[in-house]
Amino acid sequence: MILQLHVHPGARVSEFAGRHGERIKVRLAARAVDRKANEALIEFLAAHYGVAKRDVRIVAGLKSRRKRVVIEGVSERKPPTP
């Protein structure tokens, strides 16, 4: 599964937050320092979709709020709940 995300680091809690244009908006509690936000995004998505962290990869946007993420091993799309 490929997700197009808009990530907002430094939020109070990590959660899905609706849409940002065509992308799914994700708020992350981690700050965008020393890749902590990217690590938190991987952990958050792995927990939501019930896969191992190694199955979630950021393939575009490592230093951007606009990210493309690939999740392996997901048989059906579980919609984010804002």
PDB file of N, CA and C in Angstrom:
ATOM      1  N   MET A   1       0.844  -1.163   0.000  1.00  0.00           N
ATOM      2  CA  MET A   1       0.000   0.000   0.000  1.00  0.00           C
ATOM      3  C   MET A   1       0.894   1.233   0.000  1.00  0.00           C
ATOM      4  N   ILE A   2       0.520   2.234  -0.758  1.00  0.00           N
ATOM      5  CA  ILE A   2       1.266   3.488  -0.806  1.00  0.00           C
ATOM      6  C   ILE A   2       0.371   4.593  -0.267  1.00  0.00           C
ATOM      7  N   LEU A   3       0.896   5.361   0.690  1.00  0.00           N
ATOM      8  CA  LEU A   3       0.155   6.486   1.269  1.00  0.00           C
ATOM      9  C   LEU A   3       0.852   7.793   0.915  1.00  0.00           C
ATOM     10  N   GLN A   4       0.064   8.789   0.548  1.00  0.00           N
ATOM     11  CA  GLN A   4       0.562  10.145   0.328  1.00  0.00           C
ATOM     12  C   GLN A   4       0.171  10.942   1.566  1.00  0.00           C
ATOM     13  N   LEU A   5       1.155  11.424   2.323  1.00  0.00           N
ATOM     14  CA  LEU A   5       0.888  12.047   3.614  1.00  0.00           C
ATOM     15  C   LEU A   5       1.375  13.487   3.673  1.00  0.00           C
ATOM     16  N   HIS A   6       0.715  14.272   4.503  1.00  0.00           N
ATOM     17  CA  HIS A   6       1.198  15.579   4.927  1.00  0.00           C
ATOM     18  C   HIS A   6       1.382  15.468   6.440  1.00  0.00           C
ATOM     19  N   VAL A   7       2.616  15.597   6.897  1.00  0.00           N
ATOM     20  CA  VAL A   7       2.950  15.347   8.299  1.00  0.00           C
ATOM     21  C   VAL A   7       3.164  16.660   9.028  1.00  0.00           C
ATOM     22  N   HIS A   8       2.555  16.775  10.204  1.00  0.00           N
ATOM     23  CA  HIS A   8       2.689  17.953  11.046  1.00  0.00           C
ATOM     24  C   HIS A   8       3.370  17.534  12.356  1.00  0.00           C
ATOM     25  N   PRO A   9       4.690  17.715  12.466  1.00  0.00           N
ATOM     26  CA  PRO A   9       5.386  17.319  13.695  1.00  0.00           C
ATOM     27  C   PRO A   9       5.162  18.332  14.816  1.00  0.00           C
ATOM     28  N   GLY A  10       5.404  17.887  16.057  1.00  0.00           N
ATOM     29  CA  GLY A  10       5.305  18.776  17.207  1.00  0.00           C
ATOM     30  C   GLY A  10       3.894  18.960  17.737  1.00  0.00           C
ATOM     31  N   ALA A  11       2.988  18.073  17.407  1.00  0.00           N
ATOM     32  CA  ALA A  11       1.608  18.163  17.906  1.00  0.00           C
ATOM     33  C   ALA A  11       1.538  17.603  19.330  1.00  0.00           C
ATOM     34  N   ARG A  12       0.415  17.781  19.983  1.00  0.00           N
ATOM     35  CA  ARG A  12       0.248  17.235  21.342  1.00  0.00           C
ATOM     36  C   ARG A  12       0.191  15.719  21.346  1.00  0.00           C
ATOM     37  N   VAL A  13      -0.524  15.159  20.379  1.00  0.00           N
ATOM     38  CA  VAL A  13      -0.654  13.702  20.273  1.00  0.00           C
ATOM     39  C   VAL A  13      -0.476  13.290  18.812  1.00  0.00           C
ATOM     40  N   SER A  14      -0.085  12.041  18.606  1.00  0.00           N
ATOM     41  CA  SER A  14       0.012  11.511  17.245  1.00  0.00           C
ATOM     42  C   SER A  14      -1.353  10.986  16.832  1.00  0.00           C
ATOM     43  N   GLU A  15      -1.838  11.460  15.663  1.00  0.00           N
ATOM     44  CA  GLU A  15      -3.165  11.070  15.204  1.00  0.00           C
ATOM     45  C   GLU A  15      -3.353  11.424  13.738  1.00  0.00           C
ATOM     46  N   PHE A  16      -4.315  10.759  13.100  1.00  0.00           N
ATOM     47  CA  PHE A  16      -4.744  11.170  11.777  1.00  0.00           C
ATOM     48  C   PHE A  16      -5.607  12.410  11.960  1.00  0.00           C
ATOM     49  N   ALA A  17      -5.476  13.369  11.039  1.00  0.00           N
ATOM     50  CA  ALA A  17      -6.174  14.646  11.207  1.00  0.00           C
ATOM     51  C   ALA A  17      -6.895  15.069   9.935  1.00  0.00           C
ATOM     52  N   GLY A  18      -7.497  14.130   9.237  1.00  0.00           N
ATOM     53  CA  GLY A  18      -8.268  14.472   8.046  1.00  0.00           C
ATOM     54  C   GLY A  18      -7.414  14.546   6.803  1.00  0.00           C
ATOM     55  N   ARG A  19      -7.713  15.526   5.956  1.00  0.00           N
ATOM     56  CA  ARG A  19      -7.037  15.664   4.666  1.00  0.00           C
ATOM     57  C   ARG A  19      -6.320  17.005   4.591  1.00  0.00           C
ATOM     58  N   HIS A  20      -5.276  17.039   3.789  1.00  0.00           N
ATOM     59  CA  HIS A  20      -4.578  18.277   3.443  1.00  0.00           C
ATOM     60  C   HIS A  20      -4.445  18.239   1.927  1.00  0.00           C
ATOM     61  N   GLY A  21      -5.400  18.813   1.238  1.00  0.00           N
ATOM     62  CA  GLY A  21      -5.463  18.677  -0.210  1.00  0.00           C
ATOM     63  C   GLY A  21      -5.785  17.231  -0.561  1.00  0.00           C
ATOM     64  N   GLU A  22      -4.934  16.609  -1.365  1.00  0.00           N
ATOM     65  CA  GLU A  22      -5.121  15.214  -1.760  1.00  0.00           C
ATOM     66  C   GLU A  22      -4.436  14.241  -0.797  1.00  0.00           C
ATOM     67  N   ARG A  23      -3.721  14.757   0.169  1.00  0.00           N
ATOM     68  CA  ARG A  23      -2.939  13.912   1.071  1.00  0.00           C
ATOM     69  C   ARG A  23      -3.659  13.698   2.403  1.00  0.00           C
ATOM     70  N   ILE A  24      -3.301  12.612   3.080  1.00  0.00           N
ATOM     71  CA  ILE A  24      -3.813  12.345   4.425  1.00  0.00           C
ATOM     72  C   ILE A  24      -2.933  13.114   5.404  1.00  0.00           C
ATOM     73  N   LYS A  25      -3.561  13.870   6.282  1.00  0.00           N
ATOM     74  CA  LYS A  25      -2.804  14.653   7.260  1.00  0.00           C
ATOM     75  C   LYS A  25      -2.581  13.826   8.524  1.00  0.00           C
ATOM     76  N   VAL A  26      -1.327  13.814   8.988  1.00  0.00           N
ATOM     77  CA  VAL A  26      -0.959  13.098  10.205  1.00  0.00           C
ATOM     78  C   VAL A  26      -0.275  14.078  11.137  1.00  0.00           C
ATOM     79  N   ARG A  27      -0.784  14.187  12.353  1.00  0.00           N
ATOM     80  CA  ARG A  27      -0.120  14.977  13.395  1.00  0.00           C
ATOM     81  C   ARG A  27       0.761  14.038  14.208  1.00  0.00           C
ATOM     82  N   LEU A  28       1.997  14.464  14.471  1.00  0.00           N
ATOM     83  CA  LEU A  28       2.926  13.646  15.247  1.00  0.00           C
ATOM     84  C   LEU A  28       3.386  14.396  16.486  1.00  0.00           C
ATOM     85  N   ALA A  29       3.451  13.688  17.605  1.00  0.00           N
ATOM     86  CA  ALA A  29       3.904  14.294  18.852  1.00  0.00           C
ATOM     87  C   ALA A  29       5.409  14.580  18.819  1.00  0.00           C
ATOM     88  N   ALA A  30       6.153  13.853  18.028  1.00  0.00           N
ATOM     89  CA  ALA A  30       7.609  14.028  17.954  1.00  0.00           C
ATOM     90  C   ALA A  30       7.961  15.298  17.189  1.00  0.00           C
ATOM     91  N   ARG A  31       9.082  15.892  17.571  1.00  0.00           N
ATOM     92  CA  ARG A  31       9.592  17.072  16.882  1.00  0.00           C
ATOM     93  C   ARG A  31      10.396  16.636  15.659  1.00  0.00           C
ATOM     94  N   ALA A  32      10.564  17.520  14.720  1.00  0.00           N
ATOM     95  CA  ALA A  32      11.325  17.234  13.502  1.00  0.00           C
ATOM     96  C   ALA A  32      12.812  17.512  13.733  1.00  0.00           C
ATOM     97  N   VAL A  33      13.396  16.802  14.688  1.00  0.00           N
ATOM     98  CA  VAL A  33      14.806  16.963  15.029  1.00  0.00           C
ATOM     99  C   VAL A  33      15.450  15.585  15.040  1.00  0.00           C
ATOM    100  N   ASP A  34      16.608  15.453  14.405  1.00  0.00           N
ATOM    101  CA  ASP A  34      17.358  14.193  14.392  1.00  0.00           C
ATOM    102  C   ASP A  34      16.509  13.006  13.936  1.00  0.00           C
ATOM    103  N   ARG A  35      15.670  13.192  12.934  1.00  0.00           N
ATOM    104  CA  ARG A  35      14.819  12.145  12.359  1.00  0.00           C
ATOM    105  C   ARG A  35      13.795  11.561  13.328  1.00  0.00           C
ATOM    106  N   LYS A  36      13.562  12.211  14.449  1.00  0.00           N
ATOM    107  CA  LYS A  36      12.596  11.688  15.421  1.00  0.00           C
ATOM    108  C   LYS A  36      11.177  11.656  14.857  1.00  0.00           C
ATOM    109  N   ALA A  37      10.804  12.652  14.066  1.00  0.00           N
ATOM    110  CA  ALA A  37       9.458  12.667  13.483  1.00  0.00           C
ATOM    111  C   ALA A  37       9.289  11.521  12.488  1.00  0.00           C
ATOM    112  N   ASN A  38      10.307  11.248  11.684  1.00  0.00           N
ATOM    113  CA  ASN A  38      10.218  10.131  10.729  1.00  0.00           C
ATOM    114  C   ASN A  38      10.098   8.800  11.472  1.00  0.00           C
ATOM    115  N   GLU A  39      10.881   8.625  12.528  1.00  0.00           N
ATOM    116  CA  GLU A  39      10.804   7.395  13.321  1.00  0.00           C
ATOM    117  C   GLU A  39       9.429   7.254  13.970  1.00  0.00           C
ATOM    118  N   ALA A  40       8.901   8.373  14.489  1.00  0.00           N
ATOM    119  CA  ALA A  40       7.583   8.346  15.120  1.00  0.00           C
ATOM    120  C   ALA A  40       6.495   8.029  14.090  1.00  0.00           C
ATOM    121  N   LEU A  41       6.646   8.545  12.872  1.00  0.00           N
ATOM    122  CA  LEU A  41       5.675   8.259  11.810  1.00  0.00           C
ATOM    123  C   LEU A  41       5.660   6.766  11.493  1.00  0.00           C
ATOM    124  N   ILE A  42       6.826   6.167  11.373  1.00  0.00           N
ATOM    125  CA  ILE A  42       6.918   4.736  11.091  1.00  0.00           C
ATOM    126  C   ILE A  42       6.268   3.929  12.210  1.00  0.00           C
ATOM    127  N   GLU A  43       6.560   4.273  13.458  1.00  0.00           N
ATOM    128  CA  GLU A  43       5.954   3.571  14.601  1.00  0.00           C
ATOM    129  C   GLU A  43       4.440   3.730  14.612  1.00  0.00           C
ATOM    130  N   PHE A  44       3.958   4.945  14.361  1.00  0.00           N
ATOM    131  CA  PHE A  44       2.524   5.234  14.368  1.00  0.00           C
ATOM    132  C   PHE A  44       1.802   4.430  13.283  1.00  0.00           C
ATOM    133  N   LEU A  45       2.330   4.445  12.063  1.00  0.00           N
ATOM    134  CA  LEU A  45       1.680   3.726  10.964  1.00  0.00           C
ATOM    135  C   LEU A  45       1.746   2.213  11.165  1.00  0.00           C
ATOM    136  N   ALA A  46       2.866   1.708  11.666  1.00  0.00           N
ATOM    137  CA  ALA A  46       2.991   0.272  11.921  1.00  0.00           C
ATOM    138  C   ALA A  46       1.953  -0.179  12.941  1.00  0.00           C
ATOM    139  N   ALA A  47       1.766   0.593  13.996  1.00  0.00           N
ATOM    140  CA  ALA A  47       0.777   0.247  15.019  1.00  0.00           C
ATOM    141  C   ALA A  47      -0.642   0.313  14.439  1.00  0.00           C
ATOM    142  N   HIS A  48      -0.931   1.341  13.660  1.00  0.00           N
ATOM    143  CA  HIS A  48      -2.280   1.506  13.098  1.00  0.00           C
ATOM    144  C   HIS A  48      -2.639   0.364  12.141  1.00  0.00           C
ATOM    145  N   TYR A  49      -1.694  -0.020  11.284  1.00  0.00           N
ATOM    146  CA  TYR A  49      -1.968  -1.043  10.281  1.00  0.00           C
ATOM    147  C   TYR A  49      -1.617  -2.450  10.746  1.00  0.00           C
ATOM    148  N   GLY A  50      -1.077  -2.584  11.956  1.00  0.00           N
ATOM    149  CA  GLY A  50      -0.797  -3.898  12.504  1.00  0.00           C
ATOM    150  C   GLY A  50       0.329  -4.640  11.810  1.00  0.00           C
ATOM    151  N   VAL A  51       1.367  -3.913  11.421  1.00  0.00           N
ATOM    152  CA  VAL A  51       2.530  -4.527  10.777  1.00  0.00           C
ATOM    153  C   VAL A  51       3.779  -4.179  11.580  1.00  0.00           C
ATOM    154  N   ALA A  52       4.874  -4.859  11.279  1.00  0.00           N
ATOM    155  CA  ALA A  52       6.149  -4.554  11.921  1.00  0.00           C
ATOM    156  C   ALA A  52       6.700  -3.233  11.381  1.00  0.00           C
ATOM    157  N   LYS A  53       7.501  -2.554  12.188  1.00  0.00           N
ATOM    158  CA  LYS A  53       8.092  -1.290  11.757  1.00  0.00           C
ATOM    159  C   LYS A  53       8.943  -1.469  10.501  1.00  0.00           C
ATOM    160  N   ARG A  54       9.565  -2.641  10.342  1.00  0.00           N
ATOM    161  CA  ARG A  54      10.401  -2.877   9.162  1.00  0.00           C
ATOM    162  C   ARG A  54       9.575  -2.927   7.874  1.00  0.00           C
ATOM    163  N   ASP A  55       8.251  -3.072   7.986  1.00  0.00           N
ATOM    164  CA  ASP A  55       7.369  -3.124   6.824  1.00  0.00           C
ATOM    165  C   ASP A  55       6.876  -1.746   6.388  1.00  0.00           C
ATOM    166  N   VAL A  56       7.271  -0.707   7.102  1.00  0.00           N
ATOM    167  CA  VAL A  56       6.862   0.666   6.770  1.00  0.00           C
ATOM    168  C   VAL A  56       8.113   1.427   6.338  1.00  0.00           C
ATOM    169  N   ARG A  57       8.077   1.958   5.106  1.00  0.00           N
ATOM    170  CA  ARG A  57       9.226   2.686   4.578  1.00  0.00           C
ATOM    171  C   ARG A  57       8.797   4.040   4.029  1.00  0.00           C
ATOM    172  N   ILE A  58       9.546   5.065   4.356  1.00  0.00           N
ATOM    173  CA  ILE A  58       9.351   6.380   3.752  1.00  0.00           C
ATOM    174  C   ILE A  58      10.192   6.393   2.484  1.00  0.00           C
ATOM    175  N   VAL A  59       9.531   6.442   1.333  1.00  0.00           N
ATOM    176  CA  VAL A  59      10.249   6.364   0.064  1.00  0.00           C
ATOM    177  C   VAL A  59      10.465   7.731  -0.576  1.00  0.00           C
ATOM    178  N   ALA A  60       9.783   8.745  -0.103  1.00  0.00           N
ATOM    179  CA  ALA A  60       9.992  10.107  -0.608  1.00  0.00           C
ATOM    180  C   ALA A  60       9.621  11.094   0.491  1.00  0.00           C
ATOM    181  N   GLY A  61      10.395  12.171   0.596  1.00  0.00           N
ATOM    182  CA  GLY A  61      10.079  13.225   1.546  1.00  0.00           C
ATOM    183  C   GLY A  61      10.710  13.073   2.911  1.00  0.00           C
ATOM    184  N   LEU A  62      11.895  12.493   2.996  1.00  0.00           N
ATOM    185  CA  LEU A  62      12.540  12.305   4.300  1.00  0.00           C
ATOM    186  C   LEU A  62      12.749  13.623   5.042  1.00  0.00           C
ATOM    187  N   LYS A  63      12.953  14.712   4.310  1.00  0.00           N
ATOM    188  CA  LYS A  63      13.187  16.011   4.948  1.00  0.00           C
ATOM    189  C   LYS A  63      12.063  17.000   4.652  1.00  0.00           C
ATOM    190  N   SER A  64      10.890  16.471   4.376  1.00  0.00           N
ATOM    191  CA  SER A  64       9.755  17.304   3.997  1.00  0.00           C
ATOM    192  C   SER A  64       8.510  16.880   4.781  1.00  0.00           C
ATOM    193  N   ARG A  65       7.535  17.768   4.837  1.00  0.00           N
ATOM    194  CA  ARG A  65       6.249  17.398   5.442  1.00  0.00           C
ATOM    195  C   ARG A  65       5.426  16.536   4.494  1.00  0.00           C
ATOM    196  N   ARG A  66       5.702  16.657   3.207  1.00  0.00           N
ATOM    197  CA  ARG A  66       4.999  15.860   2.184  1.00  0.00           C
ATOM    198  C   ARG A  66       5.771  14.566   1.994  1.00  0.00           C
ATOM    199  N   LYS A  67       5.161  13.440   2.343  1.00  0.00           N
ATOM    200  CA  LYS A  67       5.843  12.157   2.317  1.00  0.00           C
ATOM    201  C   LYS A  67       5.044  11.116   1.547  1.00  0.00           C
ATOM    202  N   ARG A  68       5.788  10.188   0.937  1.00  0.00           N
ATOM    203  CA  ARG A  68       5.183   9.013   0.334  1.00  0.00           C
ATOM    204  C   ARG A  68       5.702   7.823   1.128  1.00  0.00           C
ATOM    205  N   VAL A  69       4.775   7.017   1.639  1.00  0.00           N
ATOM    206  CA  VAL A  69       5.117   5.893   2.508  1.00  0.00           C
ATOM    207  C   VAL A  69       4.573   4.608   1.907  1.00  0.00           C
ATOM    208  N   VAL A  70       5.413   3.575   1.910  1.00  0.00           N
ATOM    209  CA  VAL A  70       5.007   2.249   1.449  1.00  0.00           C
ATOM    210  C   VAL A  70       4.851   1.360   2.675  1.00  0.00           C
ATOM    211  N   ILE A  71       3.713   0.652   2.748  1.00  0.00           N
ATOM    212  CA  ILE A  71       3.461  -0.290   3.836  1.00  0.00           C
ATOM    213  C   ILE A  71       3.291  -1.672   3.225  1.00  0.00           C
ATOM    214  N   GLU A  72       4.178  -2.579   3.586  1.00  0.00           N
ATOM    215  CA  GLU A  72       4.148  -3.953   3.076  1.00  0.00           C
ATOM    216  C   GLU A  72       3.275  -4.810   3.991  1.00  0.00           C
ATOM    217  N   GLY A  73       2.644  -5.820   3.416  1.00  0.00           N
ATOM    218  CA  GLY A  73       1.920  -6.803   4.211  1.00  0.00           C
ATOM    219  C   GLY A  73       0.527  -6.395   4.655  1.00  0.00           C
ATOM    220  N   VAL A  74      -0.027  -5.362   4.050  1.00  0.00           N
ATOM    221  CA  VAL A  74      -1.383  -4.947   4.387  1.00  0.00           C
ATOM    222  C   VAL A  74      -2.299  -5.462   3.279  1.00  0.00           C
ATOM    223  N   SER A  75      -3.218  -6.363   3.656  1.00  0.00           N
ATOM    224  CA  SER A  75      -4.081  -6.972   2.646  1.00  0.00           C
ATOM    225  C   SER A  75      -5.221  -6.051   2.235  1.00  0.00           C
ATOM    226  N   GLU A  76      -5.708  -5.248   3.156  1.00  0.00           N
ATOM    227  CA  GLU A  76      -6.779  -4.306   2.811  1.00  0.00           C
ATOM    228  C   GLU A  76      -6.497  -2.974   3.466  1.00  0.00           C
ATOM    229  N   ARG A  77      -7.002  -1.948   2.872  1.00  0.00           N
ATOM    230  CA  ARG A  77      -6.736  -0.606   3.384  1.00  0.00           C
ATOM    231  C   ARG A  77      -7.618  -0.313   4.582  1.00  0.00           C
ATOM    232  N   LYS A  78      -7.005  -0.028   5.710  1.00  0.00           N
ATOM    233  CA  LYS A  78      -7.727   0.365   6.916  1.00  0.00           C
ATOM    234  C   LYS A  78      -7.765   1.885   6.914  1.00  0.00           C
ATOM    235  N   PRO A  79      -8.926   2.466   6.773  1.00  0.00           N
ATOM    236  CA  PRO A  79      -8.991   3.933   6.655  1.00  0.00           C
ATOM    237  C   PRO A  79      -8.562   4.617   7.951  1.00  0.00           C
ATOM    238  N   PRO A  80      -7.814   5.701   7.811  1.00  0.00           N
ATOM    239  CA  PRO A  80      -7.450   6.467   9.002  1.00  0.00           C
ATOM    240  C   PRO A  80      -8.682   7.086   9.625  1.00  0.00           C
ATOM    241  N   THR A  81      -8.691   7.174  10.934  1.00  0.00           N
ATOM    242  CA  THR A  81      -9.811   7.778  11.642  1.00  0.00           C
ATOM    243  C   THR A  81      -9.338   9.079  12.274  1.00  0.00           C
ATOM    244  N   PRO A  82      -9.848  10.212  11.794  1.00  0.00           N
ATOM    245  CA  PRO A  82      -9.402  11.518  12.338  1.00  0.00           C
ATOM    246  C   PRO A  82      -9.883  11.716  13.769  1.00  0.00           C
TER     247      PRO A  82
END
